[in-house]
Amino acid sequence: MSNNEFLQTEEAIVAVLKTVYDPEIPVNVYDLGLIYNVDVDKEKNVRIDMTLTAPNCPAADFILEDVRMKVEGVEGVKSVDINLVFDPMWDKDMMSEEAKLELGFL
C-alpha cells in the first residue's frame, strides 16, 4: 500500500467517524475526543482505540456498532477491531475547539 493510499484510507476513516454521534450529544465522536487512536496496517485491517464519555454510557452498544459499520464501509477496509478503553478517562478538555463551541464551553 502506497503512502498516499494509506493517507487516503486514514482520511476516509476520520471522515466517517465524524458522522457517528452519541444520541445524547449533538457532536460527533471524533470531535468529542472519544477516538484515541486509528491504526491501519498494510492489509487495511483497522484498529481503533476509543472511549466513551462515561463507562456506563447507555448508548455504548449503539455507538460502537455505528463506528464498526461505518468504518467497515470505507473502501478497501478489510476488518475493524474496536478496543474500548477508559485509560485515560475522557474529559471535556479532549474535545475539539468546534465541539467546545457547539456545546457552550467557550
PDB file of N, CA and C in Angstrom:
ATOM      1  N   MET A   1       0.866  -1.174   0.000  1.00  0.00           N
ATOM      2  CA  MET A   1       0.000   0.000   0.000  1.00  0.00           C
ATOM      3  C   MET A   1       0.910   1.234   0.000  1.00  0.00           C
ATOM      4  N   SER A   2       0.672   2.128  -0.949  1.00  0.00           N
ATOM      5  CA  SER A   2       1.490   3.337  -1.026  1.00  0.00           C
ATOM      6  C   SER A   2       1.154   4.270   0.132  1.00  0.00           C
ATOM      7  N   ASN A   3       2.066   5.185   0.404  1.00  0.00           N
ATOM      8  CA  ASN A   3       1.857   6.152   1.481  1.00  0.00           C
ATOM      9  C   ASN A   3       0.623   6.996   1.202  1.00  0.00           C
ATOM     10  N   ASN A   4       0.445   7.383  -0.059  1.00  0.00           N
ATOM     11  CA  ASN A   4      -0.706   8.196  -0.456  1.00  0.00           C
ATOM     12  C   ASN A   4      -2.016   7.429  -0.238  1.00  0.00           C
ATOM     13  N   GLU A   5      -2.012   6.153  -0.608  1.00  0.00           N
ATOM     14  CA  GLU A   5      -3.196   5.300  -0.434  1.00  0.00           C
ATOM     15  C   GLU A   5      -3.521   5.137   1.048  1.00  0.00           C
ATOM     16  N   PHE A   6      -2.465   4.987   1.852  1.00  0.00           N
ATOM     17  CA  PHE A   6      -2.621   4.859   3.301  1.00  0.00           C
ATOM     18  C   PHE A   6      -3.280   6.125   3.870  1.00  0.00           C
ATOM     19  N   LEU A   7      -2.776   7.304   3.446  1.00  0.00           N
ATOM     20  CA  LEU A   7      -3.333   8.568   3.931  1.00  0.00           C
ATOM     21  C   LEU A   7      -4.785   8.730   3.501  1.00  0.00           C
ATOM     22  N   GLN A   8      -5.093   8.327   2.271  1.00  0.00           N
ATOM     23  CA  GLN A   8      -6.475   8.425   1.790  1.00  0.00           C
ATOM     24  C   GLN A   8      -7.388   7.541   2.630  1.00  0.00           C
ATOM     25  N   THR A   9      -6.926   6.353   2.983  1.00  0.00           N
ATOM     26  CA  THR A   9      -7.725   5.443   3.813  1.00  0.00           C
ATOM     27  C   THR A   9      -7.939   6.052   5.196  1.00  0.00           C
ATOM     28  N   GLU A  10      -6.863   6.583   5.797  1.00  0.00           N
ATOM     29  CA  GLU A  10      -6.991   7.213   7.116  1.00  0.00           C
ATOM     30  C   GLU A  10      -7.951   8.398   7.075  1.00  0.00           C
ATOM     31  N   GLU A  11      -7.833   9.225   6.034  1.00  0.00           N
ATOM     32  CA  GLU A  11      -8.720  10.390   5.902  1.00  0.00           C
ATOM     33  C   GLU A  11     -10.171   9.956   5.742  1.00  0.00           C
ATOM     34  N   ALA A  12     -10.398   8.892   4.982  1.00  0.00           N
ATOM     35  CA  ALA A  12     -11.758   8.380   4.781  1.00  0.00           C
ATOM     36  C   ALA A  12     -12.327   7.855   6.096  1.00  0.00           C
ATOM     37  N   ILE A  13     -11.487   7.206   6.890  1.00  0.00           N
ATOM     38  CA  ILE A  13     -11.930   6.683   8.192  1.00  0.00           C
ATOM     39  C   ILE A  13     -12.304   7.843   9.116  1.00  0.00           C
ATOM     40  N   VAL A  14     -11.455   8.880   9.176  1.00  0.00           N
ATOM     41  CA  VAL A  14     -11.760  10.046  10.013  1.00  0.00           C
ATOM     42  C   VAL A  14     -13.066  10.695   9.540  1.00  0.00           C
ATOM     43  N   ALA A  15     -13.249  10.781   8.218  1.00  0.00           N
ATOM     44  CA  ALA A  15     -14.473  11.390   7.675  1.00  0.00           C
ATOM     45  C   ALA A  15     -15.716  10.633   8.135  1.00  0.00           C
ATOM     46  N   VAL A  16     -15.681   9.292   8.116  1.00  0.00           N
ATOM     47  CA  VAL A  16     -16.869   8.550   8.565  1.00  0.00           C
ATOM     48  C   VAL A  16     -17.028   8.603  10.071  1.00  0.00           C
ATOM     49  N   LEU A  17     -15.918   8.674  10.817  1.00  0.00           N
ATOM     50  CA  LEU A  17     -16.027   8.803  12.270  1.00  0.00           C
ATOM     51  C   LEU A  17     -16.730  10.113  12.644  1.00  0.00           C
ATOM     52  N   LYS A  18     -16.579  11.121  11.799  1.00  0.00           N
ATOM     53  CA  LYS A  18     -17.227  12.411  12.060  1.00  0.00           C
ATOM     54  C   LYS A  18     -18.729  12.369  11.772  1.00  0.00           C
ATOM     55  N   THR A  19     -19.229  11.190  11.318  1.00  0.00           N
ATOM     56  CA  THR A  19     -20.674  11.032  11.107  1.00  0.00           C
ATOM     57  C   THR A  19     -21.311  10.195  12.208  1.00  0.00           C
ATOM     58  N   VAL A  20     -20.518   9.774  13.202  1.00  0.00           N
ATOM     59  CA  VAL A  20     -21.017   8.959  14.319  1.00  0.00           C
ATOM     60  C   VAL A  20     -21.273   9.885  15.510  1.00  0.00           C
ATOM     61  N   TYR A  21     -22.490   9.844  16.019  1.00  0.00           N
ATOM     62  CA  TYR A  21     -22.879  10.718  17.130  1.00  0.00           C
ATOM     63  C   TYR A  21     -23.355   9.920  18.328  1.00  0.00           C
ATOM     64  N   ASP A  22     -23.035  10.420  19.501  1.00  0.00           N
ATOM     65  CA  ASP A  22     -23.679   9.950  20.723  1.00  0.00           C
ATOM     66  C   ASP A  22     -25.086  10.524  20.647  1.00  0.00           C
ATOM     67  N   PRO A  23     -26.130   9.689  20.767  1.00  0.00           N
ATOM     68  CA  PRO A  23     -27.503  10.199  20.627  1.00  0.00           C
ATOM     69  C   PRO A  23     -27.858  11.312  21.615  1.00  0.00           C
ATOM     70  N   GLU A  24     -27.112  11.422  22.704  1.00  0.00           N
ATOM     71  CA  GLU A  24     -27.437  12.423  23.717  1.00  0.00           C
ATOM     72  C   GLU A  24     -26.648  13.721  23.553  1.00  0.00           C
ATOM     73  N   ILE A  25     -25.662  13.731  22.637  1.00  0.00           N
ATOM     74  CA  ILE A  25     -24.792  14.908  22.474  1.00  0.00           C
ATOM     75  C   ILE A  25     -24.739  15.274  20.988  1.00  0.00           C
ATOM     76  N   PRO A  26     -24.975  16.548  20.639  1.00  0.00           N
ATOM     77  CA  PRO A  26     -25.017  16.933  19.223  1.00  0.00           C
ATOM     78  C   PRO A  26     -23.636  17.162  18.589  1.00  0.00           C
ATOM     79  N   VAL A  27     -22.637  16.369  18.983  1.00  0.00           N
ATOM     80  CA  VAL A  27     -21.287  16.488  18.451  1.00  0.00           C
ATOM     81  C   VAL A  27     -20.797  15.079  18.129  1.00  0.00           C
ATOM     82  N   ASN A  28     -20.059  14.933  17.017  1.00  0.00           N
ATOM     83  CA  ASN A  28     -19.599  13.590  16.620  1.00  0.00           C
ATOM     84  C   ASN A  28     -18.489  13.068  17.544  1.00  0.00           C
ATOM     85  N   VAL A  29     -18.304  11.741  17.516  1.00  0.00           N
ATOM     86  CA  VAL A  29     -17.364  11.093  18.442  1.00  0.00           C
ATOM     87  C   VAL A  29     -15.920  11.536  18.213  1.00  0.00           C
ATOM     88  N   TYR A  30     -15.588  11.893  16.968  1.00  0.00           N
ATOM     89  CA  TYR A  30     -14.225  12.330  16.675  1.00  0.00           C
ATOM     90  C   TYR A  30     -13.948  13.684  17.331  1.00  0.00           C
ATOM     91  N   ASP A  31     -14.840  14.650  17.119  1.00  0.00           N
ATOM     92  CA  ASP A  31     -14.639  15.978  17.693  1.00  0.00           C
ATOM     93  C   ASP A  31     -14.831  15.995  19.209  1.00  0.00           C
ATOM     94  N   LEU A  32     -15.567  15.012  19.740  1.00  0.00           N
ATOM     95  CA  LEU A  32     -15.692  14.904  21.197  1.00  0.00           C
ATOM     96  C   LEU A  32     -14.379  14.438  21.830  1.00  0.00           C
ATOM     97  N   GLY A  33     -13.474  13.893  21.010  1.00  0.00           N
ATOM     98  CA  GLY A  33     -12.206  13.392  21.544  1.00  0.00           C
ATOM     99  C   GLY A  33     -12.306  11.959  22.029  1.00  0.00           C
ATOM    100  N   LEU A  34     -13.326  11.234  21.578  1.00  0.00           N
ATOM    101  CA  LEU A  34     -13.517   9.850  22.032  1.00  0.00           C
ATOM    102  C   LEU A  34     -12.635   8.859  21.269  1.00  0.00           C
ATOM    103  N   ILE A  35     -12.096   9.289  20.127  1.00  0.00           N
ATOM    104  CA  ILE A  35     -11.220   8.417  19.337  1.00  0.00           C
ATOM    105  C   ILE A  35      -9.782   8.706  19.743  1.00  0.00           C
ATOM    106  N   TYR A  36      -9.150   7.737  20.403  1.00  0.00           N
ATOM    107  CA  TYR A  36      -7.781   7.932  20.884  1.00  0.00           C
ATOM    108  C   TYR A  36      -6.755   7.576  19.815  1.00  0.00           C
ATOM    109  N   ASN A  37      -7.042   6.563  18.998  1.00  0.00           N
ATOM    110  CA  ASN A  37      -6.062   6.117  18.016  1.00  0.00           C
ATOM    111  C   ASN A  37      -6.760   5.360  16.892  1.00  0.00           C
ATOM    112  N   VAL A  38      -6.299   5.590  15.656  1.00  0.00           N
ATOM    113  CA  VAL A  38      -6.744   4.814  14.499  1.00  0.00           C
ATOM    114  C   VAL A  38      -5.488   4.258  13.861  1.00  0.00           C
ATOM    115  N   ASP A  39      -5.391   2.943  13.774  1.00  0.00           N
ATOM    116  CA  ASP A  39      -4.216   2.293  13.211  1.00  0.00           C
ATOM    117  C   ASP A  39      -4.654   1.442  12.027  1.00  0.00           C
ATOM    118  N   VAL A  40      -4.019   1.659  10.880  1.00  0.00           N
ATOM    119  CA  VAL A  40      -4.334   0.893   9.672  1.00  0.00           C
ATOM    120  C   VAL A  40      -3.066   0.148   9.270  1.00  0.00           C
ATOM    121  N   ASP A  41      -3.157  -1.190   9.148  1.00  0.00           N
ATOM    122  CA  ASP A  41      -1.965  -1.933   8.738  1.00  0.00           C
ATOM    123  C   ASP A  41      -1.930  -2.079   7.210  1.00  0.00           C
ATOM    124  N   LYS A  42      -0.896  -2.772   6.698  1.00  0.00           N
ATOM    125  CA  LYS A  42      -0.691  -2.897   5.248  1.00  0.00           C
ATOM    126  C   LYS A  42      -1.860  -3.569   4.539  1.00  0.00           C
ATOM    127  N   GLU A  43      -2.534  -4.466   5.234  1.00  0.00           N
ATOM    128  CA  GLU A  43      -3.665  -5.186   4.626  1.00  0.00           C
ATOM    129  C   GLU A  43      -4.986  -4.436   4.802  1.00  0.00           C
ATOM    130  N   LYS A  44      -4.901  -3.239   5.373  1.00  0.00           N
ATOM    131  CA  LYS A  44      -6.069  -2.399   5.650  1.00  0.00           C
ATOM    132  C   LYS A  44      -6.992  -2.999   6.709  1.00  0.00           C
ATOM    133  N   ASN A  45      -6.376  -3.661   7.691  1.00  0.00           N
ATOM    134  CA  ASN A  45      -7.091  -4.023   8.909  1.00  0.00           C
ATOM    135  C   ASN A  45      -7.003  -2.797   9.801  1.00  0.00           C
ATOM    136  N   VAL A  46      -8.119  -2.401  10.367  1.00  0.00           N
ATOM    137  CA  VAL A  46      -8.173  -1.171  11.150  1.00  0.00           C
ATOM    138  C   VAL A  46      -8.375  -1.504  12.626  1.00  0.00           C
ATOM    139  N   ARG A  47      -7.579  -0.841  13.464  1.00  0.00           N
ATOM    140  CA  ARG A  47      -7.755  -0.971  14.911  1.00  0.00           C
ATOM    141  C   ARG A  47      -8.017   0.428  15.452  1.00  0.00           C
ATOM    142  N   ILE A  48      -9.097   0.565  16.190  1.00  0.00           N
ATOM    143  CA  ILE A  48      -9.467   1.857  16.757  1.00  0.00           C
ATOM    144  C   ILE A  48      -9.491   1.739  18.271  1.00  0.00           C
ATOM    145  N   ASP A  49      -8.726   2.610  18.924  1.00  0.00           N
ATOM    146  CA  ASP A  49      -8.797   2.730  20.383  1.00  0.00           C
ATOM    147  C   ASP A  49      -9.715   3.904  20.653  1.00  0.00           C
ATOM    148  N   MET A  50     -10.770   3.663  21.388  1.00  0.00           N
ATOM    149  CA  MET A  50     -11.716   4.740  21.676  1.00  0.00           C
ATOM    150  C   MET A  50     -12.282   4.591  23.073  1.00  0.00           C
ATOM    151  N   THR A  51     -12.927   5.627  23.527  1.00  0.00           N
ATOM    152  CA  THR A  51     -13.545   5.616  24.841  1.00  0.00           C
ATOM    153  C   THR A  51     -14.966   6.142  24.704  1.00  0.00           C
ATOM    154  N   LEU A  52     -15.635   6.283  25.824  1.00  0.00           N
ATOM    155  CA  LEU A  52     -16.978   6.862  25.869  1.00  0.00           C
ATOM    156  C   LEU A  52     -16.949   7.978  26.906  1.00  0.00           C
ATOM    157  N   THR A  53     -17.937   8.849  26.876  1.00  0.00           N
ATOM    158  CA  THR A  53     -17.954   9.950  27.838  1.00  0.00           C
ATOM    159  C   THR A  53     -18.081   9.439  29.272  1.00  0.00           C
ATOM    160  N   ALA A  54     -18.653   8.243  29.436  1.00  0.00           N
ATOM    161  CA  ALA A  54     -18.781   7.617  30.757  1.00  0.00           C
ATOM    162  C   ALA A  54     -18.791   6.101  30.590  1.00  0.00           C
ATOM    163  N   PRO A  55     -18.177   5.359  31.512  1.00  0.00           N
ATOM    164  CA  PRO A  55     -18.136   3.893  31.385  1.00  0.00           C
ATOM    165  C   PRO A  55     -19.526   3.248  31.298  1.00  0.00           C
ATOM    166  N   ASN A  56     -20.523   3.870  31.899  1.00  0.00           N
ATOM    167  CA  ASN A  56     -21.870   3.282  31.889  1.00  0.00           C
ATOM    168  C   ASN A  56     -22.771   3.959  30.857  1.00  0.00           C
ATOM    169  N   CYS A  57     -22.175   4.491  29.793  1.00  0.00           N
ATOM    170  CA  CYS A  57     -22.921   5.190  28.750  1.00  0.00           C
ATOM    171  C   CYS A  57     -24.039   4.285  28.217  1.00  0.00           C
ATOM    172  N   PRO A  58     -25.313   4.723  28.303  1.00  0.00           N
ATOM    173  CA  PRO A  58     -26.420   3.878  27.853  1.00  0.00           C
ATOM    174  C   PRO A  58     -26.427   3.631  26.348  1.00  0.00           C
ATOM    175  N   ALA A  59     -25.726   4.476  25.581  1.00  0.00           N
ATOM    176  CA  ALA A  59     -25.706   4.319  24.129  1.00  0.00           C
ATOM    177  C   ALA A  59     -24.452   3.595  23.641  1.00  0.00           C
ATOM    178  N   ALA A  60     -23.688   2.995  24.541  1.00  0.00           N
ATOM    179  CA  ALA A  60     -22.413   2.366  24.183  1.00  0.00           C
ATOM    180  C   ALA A  60     -22.540   1.387  23.020  1.00  0.00           C
ATOM    181  N   ASP A  61     -23.458   0.433  23.099  1.00  0.00           N
ATOM    182  CA  ASP A  61     -23.598  -0.574  22.046  1.00  0.00           C
ATOM    183  C   ASP A  61     -23.934   0.076  20.710  1.00  0.00           C
ATOM    184  N   PHE A  62     -24.835   1.049  20.734  1.00  0.00           N
ATOM    185  CA  PHE A  62     -25.236   1.762  19.519  1.00  0.00           C
ATOM    186  C   PHE A  62     -24.031   2.483  18.896  1.00  0.00           C
ATOM    187  N   ILE A  63     -23.266   3.191  19.714  1.00  0.00           N
ATOM    188  CA  ILE A  63     -22.121   3.961  19.215  1.00  0.00           C
ATOM    189  C   ILE A  63     -21.049   3.027  18.648  1.00  0.00           C
ATOM    190  N   LEU A  64     -20.704   1.979  19.379  1.00  0.00           N
ATOM    191  CA  LEU A  64     -19.674   1.043  18.924  1.00  0.00           C
ATOM    192  C   LEU A  64     -20.076   0.370  17.615  1.00  0.00           C
ATOM    193  N   GLU A  65     -21.338  -0.032  17.504  1.00  0.00           N
ATOM    194  CA  GLU A  65     -21.812  -0.677  16.280  1.00  0.00           C
ATOM    195  C   GLU A  65     -21.814   0.312  15.114  1.00  0.00           C
ATOM    196  N   ASP A  66     -22.172   1.566  15.374  1.00  0.00           N
ATOM    197  CA  ASP A  66     -22.168   2.596  14.336  1.00  0.00           C
ATOM    198  C   ASP A  66     -20.739   2.828  13.837  1.00  0.00           C
ATOM    199  N   VAL A  67     -19.776   2.917  14.755  1.00  0.00           N
ATOM    200  CA  VAL A  67     -18.371   3.081  14.370  1.00  0.00           C
ATOM    201  C   VAL A  67     -17.945   1.899  13.509  1.00  0.00           C
ATOM    202  N   ARG A  68     -18.233   0.676  13.970  1.00  0.00           N
ATOM    203  CA  ARG A  68     -17.810  -0.530  13.249  1.00  0.00           C
ATOM    204  C   ARG A  68     -18.404  -0.558  11.835  1.00  0.00           C
ATOM    205  N   MET A  69     -19.700  -0.352  11.728  1.00  0.00           N
ATOM    206  CA  MET A  69     -20.367  -0.432  10.424  1.00  0.00           C
ATOM    207  C   MET A  69     -19.852   0.633   9.459  1.00  0.00           C
ATOM    208  N   LYS A  70     -19.681   1.845   9.940  1.00  0.00           N
ATOM    209  CA  LYS A  70     -19.247   2.927   9.050  1.00  0.00           C
ATOM    210  C   LYS A  70     -17.799   2.754   8.611  1.00  0.00           C
ATOM    211  N   VAL A  71     -16.914   2.330   9.516  1.00  0.00           N
ATOM    212  CA  VAL A  71     -15.511   2.132   9.141  1.00  0.00           C
ATOM    213  C   VAL A  71     -15.384   0.927   8.213  1.00  0.00           C
ATOM    214  N   GLU A  72     -16.160  -0.143   8.457  1.00  0.00           N
ATOM    215  CA  GLU A  72     -16.138  -1.301   7.552  1.00  0.00           C
ATOM    216  C   GLU A  72     -16.585  -0.901   6.151  1.00  0.00           C
ATOM    217  N   GLY A  73     -17.398   0.166   6.053  1.00  0.00           N
ATOM    218  CA  GLY A  73     -17.893   0.619   4.760  1.00  0.00           C
ATOM    219  C   GLY A  73     -16.891   1.439   3.964  1.00  0.00           C
ATOM    220  N   VAL A  74     -15.751   1.804   4.570  1.00  0.00           N
ATOM    221  CA  VAL A  74     -14.723   2.556   3.853  1.00  0.00           C
ATOM    222  C   VAL A  74     -14.076   1.630   2.823  1.00  0.00           C
ATOM    223  N   GLU A  75     -13.939   2.127   1.610  1.00  0.00           N
ATOM    224  CA  GLU A  75     -13.398   1.321   0.514  1.00  0.00           C
ATOM    225  C   GLU A  75     -12.050   0.710   0.866  1.00  0.00           C
ATOM    226  N   GLY A  76     -11.942  -0.609   0.678  1.00  0.00           N
ATOM    227  CA  GLY A  76     -10.683  -1.311   0.898  1.00  0.00           C
ATOM    228  C   GLY A  76     -10.464  -1.820   2.306  1.00  0.00           C
ATOM    229  N   VAL A  77     -11.230  -1.337   3.283  1.00  0.00           N
ATOM    230  CA  VAL A  77     -11.025  -1.785   4.663  1.00  0.00           C
ATOM    231  C   VAL A  77     -11.409  -3.261   4.773  1.00  0.00           C
ATOM    232  N   LYS A  78     -10.465  -4.049   5.304  1.00  0.00           N
ATOM    233  CA  LYS A  78     -10.688  -5.493   5.407  1.00  0.00           C
ATOM    234  C   LYS A  78     -11.409  -5.871   6.693  1.00  0.00           C
ATOM    235  N   SER A  79     -10.945  -5.311   7.835  1.00  0.00           N
ATOM    236  CA  SER A  79     -11.570  -5.637   9.109  1.00  0.00           C
ATOM    237  C   SER A  79     -11.443  -4.452  10.059  1.00  0.00           C
ATOM    238  N   VAL A  80     -12.292  -4.449  11.078  1.00  0.00           N
ATOM    239  CA  VAL A  80     -12.283  -3.375  12.074  1.00  0.00           C
ATOM    240  C   VAL A  80     -12.286  -4.002  13.459  1.00  0.00           C
ATOM    241  N   ASP A  81     -11.312  -3.603  14.264  1.00  0.00           N
ATOM    242  CA  ASP A  81     -11.223  -4.059  15.645  1.00  0.00           C
ATOM    243  C   ASP A  81     -11.325  -2.822  16.529  1.00  0.00           C
ATOM    244  N   ILE A  82     -12.357  -2.765  17.360  1.00  0.00           N
ATOM    245  CA  ILE A  82     -12.537  -1.618  18.246  1.00  0.00           C
ATOM    246  C   ILE A  82     -12.132  -2.009  19.657  1.00  0.00           C
ATOM    247  N   ASN A  83     -11.183  -1.268  20.187  1.00  0.00           N
ATOM    248  CA  ASN A  83     -10.694  -1.500  21.532  1.00  0.00           C
ATOM    249  C   ASN A  83     -11.243  -0.383  22.418  1.00  0.00           C
ATOM    250  N   LEU A  84     -12.195  -0.733  23.281  1.00  0.00           N
ATOM    251  CA  LEU A  84     -12.811   0.248  24.172  1.00  0.00           C
ATOM    252  C   LEU A  84     -11.949   0.390  25.422  1.00  0.00           C
ATOM    253  N   VAL A  85     -11.453   1.607  25.661  1.00  0.00           N
ATOM    254  CA  VAL A  85     -10.556   1.855  26.794  1.00  0.00           C
ATOM    255  C   VAL A  85     -11.097   2.986  27.664  1.00  0.00           C
ATOM    256  N   PHE A  86     -10.743   2.956  28.924  1.00  0.00           N
ATOM    257  CA  PHE A  86     -11.120   4.037  29.840  1.00  0.00           C
ATOM    258  C   PHE A  86      -9.890   4.596  30.549  1.00  0.00           C
ATOM    259  N   ASP A  87      -8.726   4.430  29.924  1.00  0.00           N
ATOM    260  CA  ASP A  87      -7.489   4.984  30.443  1.00  0.00           C
ATOM    261  C   ASP A  87      -6.730   5.608  29.283  1.00  0.00           C
ATOM    262  N   PRO A  88      -6.619   6.898  29.208  1.00  0.00           N
ATOM    263  CA  PRO A  88      -7.083   7.855  30.209  1.00  0.00           C
ATOM    264  C   PRO A  88      -8.593   8.069  30.139  1.00  0.00           C
ATOM    265  N   MET A  89      -9.163   8.470  31.267  1.00  0.00           N
ATOM    266  CA  MET A  89     -10.590   8.783  31.300  1.00  0.00           C
ATOM    267  C   MET A  89     -10.850   9.998  30.421  1.00  0.00           C
ATOM    268  N   TRP A  90     -11.965   9.996  29.718  1.00  0.00           N
ATOM    269  CA  TRP A  90     -12.333  11.139  28.875  1.00  0.00           C
ATOM    270  C   TRP A  90     -12.712  12.326  29.756  1.00  0.00           C
ATOM    271  N   ASP A  91     -12.330  13.518  29.314  1.00  0.00           N
ATOM    272  CA  ASP A  91     -12.883  14.727  29.932  1.00  0.00           C
ATOM    273  C   ASP A  91     -13.046  15.793  28.853  1.00  0.00           C
ATOM    274  N   LYS A  92     -13.738  16.852  29.186  1.00  0.00           N
ATOM    275  CA  LYS A  92     -14.133  17.826  28.166  1.00  0.00           C
ATOM    276  C   LYS A  92     -12.949  18.535  27.520  1.00  0.00           C
ATOM    277  N   ASP A  93     -11.772  18.489  28.132  1.00  0.00           N
ATOM    278  CA  ASP A  93     -10.590  19.096  27.533  1.00  0.00           C
ATOM    279  C   ASP A  93     -10.120  18.348  26.282  1.00  0.00           C
ATOM    280  N   MET A  94     -10.626  17.141  26.065  1.00  0.00           N
ATOM    281  CA  MET A  94     -10.243  16.349  24.895  1.00  0.00           C
ATOM    282  C   MET A  94     -11.039  16.741  23.652  1.00  0.00           C
ATOM    283  N   MET A  95     -12.057  17.560  23.819  1.00  0.00           N
ATOM    284  CA  MET A  95     -12.899  17.965  22.692  1.00  0.00           C
ATOM    285  C   MET A  95     -12.172  18.960  21.796  1.00  0.00           C
ATOM    286  N   SER A  96     -12.539  18.962  20.508  1.00  0.00           N
ATOM    287  CA  SER A  96     -12.014  19.964  19.586  1.00  0.00           C
ATOM    288  C   SER A  96     -12.597  21.328  19.952  1.00  0.00           C
ATOM    289  N   GLU A  97     -11.976  22.376  19.450  1.00  0.00           N
ATOM    290  CA  GLU A  97     -12.487  23.728  19.694  1.00  0.00           C
ATOM    291  C   GLU A  97     -13.926  23.851  19.184  1.00  0.00           C
ATOM    292  N   GLU A  98     -14.199  23.226  18.009  1.00  0.00           N
ATOM    293  CA  GLU A  98     -15.544  23.285  17.435  1.00  0.00           C
ATOM    294  C   GLU A  98     -16.565  22.634  18.353  1.00  0.00           C
ATOM    295  N   ALA A  99     -16.198  21.498  18.949  1.00  0.00           N
ATOM    296  CA  ALA A  99     -17.111  20.800  19.859  1.00  0.00           C
ATOM    297  C   ALA A  99     -17.382  21.638  21.108  1.00  0.00           C
ATOM    298  N   LYS A 100     -16.320  22.242  21.646  1.00  0.00           N
ATOM    299  CA  LYS A 100     -16.486  23.077  22.847  1.00  0.00           C
ATOM    300  C   LYS A 100     -17.405  24.265  22.546  1.00  0.00           C
ATOM    301  N   LEU A 101     -17.229  24.836  21.368  1.00  0.00           N
ATOM    302  CA  LEU A 101     -18.070  25.967  20.963  1.00  0.00           C
ATOM    303  C   LEU A 101     -19.525  25.521  20.824  1.00  0.00           C
ATOM    304  N   GLU A 102     -19.730  24.383  20.144  1.00  0.00           N
ATOM    305  CA  GLU A 102     -21.067  23.826  19.920  1.00  0.00           C
ATOM    306  C   GLU A 102     -21.796  23.567  21.221  1.00  0.00           C
ATOM    307  N   LEU A 103     -21.065  23.081  22.229  1.00  0.00           N
ATOM    308  CA  LEU A 103     -21.676  22.713  23.498  1.00  0.00           C
ATOM    309  C   LEU A 103     -21.646  23.840  24.533  1.00  0.00           C
ATOM    310  N   GLY A 104     -21.128  25.005  24.124  1.00  0.00           N
ATOM    311  CA  GLY A 104     -21.163  26.167  25.010  1.00  0.00           C
ATOM    312  C   GLY A 104     -20.056  26.201  26.043  1.00  0.00           C
ATOM    313  N   PHE A 105     -18.946  25.486  25.804  1.00  0.00           N
ATOM    314  CA  PHE A 105     -17.838  25.512  26.753  1.00  0.00           C
ATOM    315  C   PHE A 105     -16.866  26.654  26.469  1.00  0.00           C
ATOM    316  N   LEU A 106     -17.056  27.382  25.361  1.00  0.00           N
ATOM    317  CA  LEU A 106     -16.161  28.506  25.023  1.00  0.00           C
ATOM    318  C   LEU A 106     -16.929  29.807  25.083  1.00  0.00           C
TER     319      LEU A 106
END
